[in-house]
Amino acid sequence: MRAGLLAMCALTFTRKSITAQVAGGGETLGSSSTFVGYLEAVTERVRTDLGLDRSVKHLLITPTAITEDERIWLPGADTSDVSASLRPVLINPMYEPRSTTVSHYEVYL
């Protein structure tokens, strides 16, 4: 990741992986972990990998790999409250110029 972009990643986020789907549409979440990133407020419509149009309000830039099976809590959010979490809508790996090395991830929430 470029040094300038890494320096912008000063916020700490929390994530938990979805480990199981339970009856009634609920989810079982694994243990939490933290990672650094940069958050930008956006108002965009993005197309998911399934071809669905979704509205997003946040763009998270992070050197940490994020999956669609995770819940993300913004800094300051109550991590014991699942309704305070956000689910990734679209994850774009960004590559170093002329390389196959991932520089960072752009995660739309």
Protein backbone atom coordinates (compact mmCIF):
# COMPACT_ATOMS: atom_id res chain seq x y z
CA MET A 1 0.00 0.00 0.00
CA ARG A 2 1.31 3.43 -0.83
CA ALA A 3 2.68 5.31 2.19
CA GLY A 4 0.34 8.29 1.72
CA LEU A 5 -2.73 6.11 1.63
CA LEU A 6 -1.57 4.03 4.59
CA ALA A 7 -1.06 7.21 6.62
CA MET A 8 -4.73 8.09 6.03
CA CYS A 9 -5.83 4.79 7.60
CA ALA A 10 -6.00 6.14 11.14
CA LEU A 11 -9.45 4.88 12.21
CA THR A 12 -10.00 1.56 13.99
CA PHE A 13 -12.92 -0.60 12.83
CA THR A 14 -14.30 -3.83 14.29
CA ARG A 15 -15.40 -6.86 12.29
CA LYS A 16 -17.02 -10.19 13.02
CA SER A 17 -17.47 -13.04 10.57
CA ILE A 18 -20.86 -14.64 10.05
CA THR A 19 -20.33 -18.26 11.13
CA ALA A 20 -23.87 -19.59 10.63
CA GLN A 21 -27.37 -18.67 9.52
CA VAL A 22 -30.06 -19.61 12.04
CA ALA A 23 -33.78 -20.18 11.69
CA GLY A 24 -35.79 -17.00 11.23
CA GLY A 25 -33.05 -15.25 9.27
CA GLY A 26 -30.69 -14.57 12.17
CA GLU A 27 -26.94 -14.94 12.12
CA THR A 28 -24.34 -16.36 14.46
CA LEU A 29 -21.20 -14.23 14.57
CA GLY A 30 -17.65 -15.25 15.43
CA SER A 31 -15.21 -13.40 17.62
CA SER A 32 -14.34 -9.81 16.85
CA SER A 33 -11.13 -8.38 15.47
CA THR A 34 -10.04 -4.84 14.72
CA PHE A 35 -8.37 -3.32 11.67
CA VAL A 36 -7.40 0.13 10.44
CA GLY A 37 -8.94 2.05 7.59
CA TYR A 38 -10.06 5.36 6.14
CA LEU A 39 -13.76 6.20 5.92
CA GLU A 40 -15.35 8.46 3.37
CA ALA A 41 -19.02 9.48 3.27
CA VAL A 42 -20.51 8.77 -0.15
CA THR A 43 -23.97 8.60 -1.66
CA GLU A 44 -23.75 6.18 -4.54
CA ARG A 45 -25.52 3.35 -6.23
CA VAL A 46 -23.30 0.37 -6.90
CA ARG A 47 -23.90 -2.91 -8.70
CA THR A 48 -23.12 -5.97 -6.60
CA ASP A 49 -21.43 -9.12 -7.87
CA LEU A 50 -24.95 -10.59 -8.19
CA GLY A 51 -26.01 -7.73 -10.48
CA LEU A 52 -28.22 -5.97 -7.92
CA ASP A 53 -28.29 -2.16 -7.62
CA ARG A 54 -27.73 -1.06 -4.02
CA SER A 55 -27.40 2.33 -2.34
CA VAL A 56 -24.32 2.85 -0.18
CA LYS A 57 -23.39 5.61 2.25
CA HIS A 58 -19.80 4.71 3.17
CA LEU A 59 -16.57 3.90 1.37
CA LEU A 60 -14.01 2.15 3.55
CA ILE A 61 -10.40 2.03 2.33
CA THR A 62 -8.22 -0.50 4.13
CA PRO A 63 -5.12 -2.65 3.62
CA THR A 64 -7.01 -5.50 5.34
CA ALA A 65 -8.84 -8.09 3.23
CA ILE A 66 -12.59 -7.95 3.95
CA THR A 67 -15.16 -10.54 2.85
CA GLU A 68 -18.87 -10.27 2.14
CA ASP A 69 -19.51 -12.65 5.06
CA GLU A 70 -18.47 -10.11 7.67
CA ARG A 71 -20.20 -7.43 9.70
CA ILE A 72 -18.35 -4.12 10.10
CA TRP A 73 -18.78 -1.65 12.98
CA LEU A 74 -17.71 1.93 12.40
CA PRO A 75 -15.48 3.59 15.03
CA GLY A 76 -17.49 4.38 18.16
CA ALA A 77 -20.36 2.01 17.34
CA ASP A 78 -21.60 -0.45 19.98
CA THR A 79 -20.10 -3.77 18.85
CA SER A 80 -22.58 -5.72 21.00
CA ASP A 81 -25.43 -4.33 18.87
CA VAL A 82 -25.64 -6.23 15.56
CA SER A 83 -28.06 -3.63 14.17
CA ALA A 84 -25.26 -1.05 14.50
CA SER A 85 -23.09 -3.04 12.08
CA LEU A 86 -22.85 -2.71 8.32
CA ARG A 87 -22.49 -5.42 5.73
CA PRO A 88 -20.14 -5.01 2.77
CA VAL A 89 -22.10 -4.43 -0.44
CA LEU A 90 -19.16 -4.40 -2.85
CA ILE A 91 -15.45 -5.10 -2.29
CA ASN A 92 -12.90 -3.95 -4.87
CA PRO A 93 -9.28 -5.06 -4.50
CA MET A 94 -6.97 -2.34 -5.81
CA TYR A 95 -3.60 -3.38 -7.25
CA GLU A 96 -0.16 -1.80 -7.24
CA PRO A 97 0.65 -0.34 -10.67
CA ARG A 98 1.88 -3.02 -13.13
CA SER A 99 1.64 -5.70 -10.44
CA THR A 100 -0.54 -8.52 -9.17
CA THR A 101 -0.05 -7.38 -5.56
CA VAL A 102 -3.13 -5.98 -3.85
CA SER A 103 -2.44 -2.47 -2.56
CA HIS A 104 -5.67 -1.99 -0.61
CA TYR A 105 -9.39 -2.70 -0.67
CA GLU A 106 -12.25 -0.33 -1.38
CA VAL A 107 -15.26 -1.59 0.57
CA TYR A 108 -18.68 -0.07 -0.04
CA LEU A 109 -20.95 -0.27 3.01
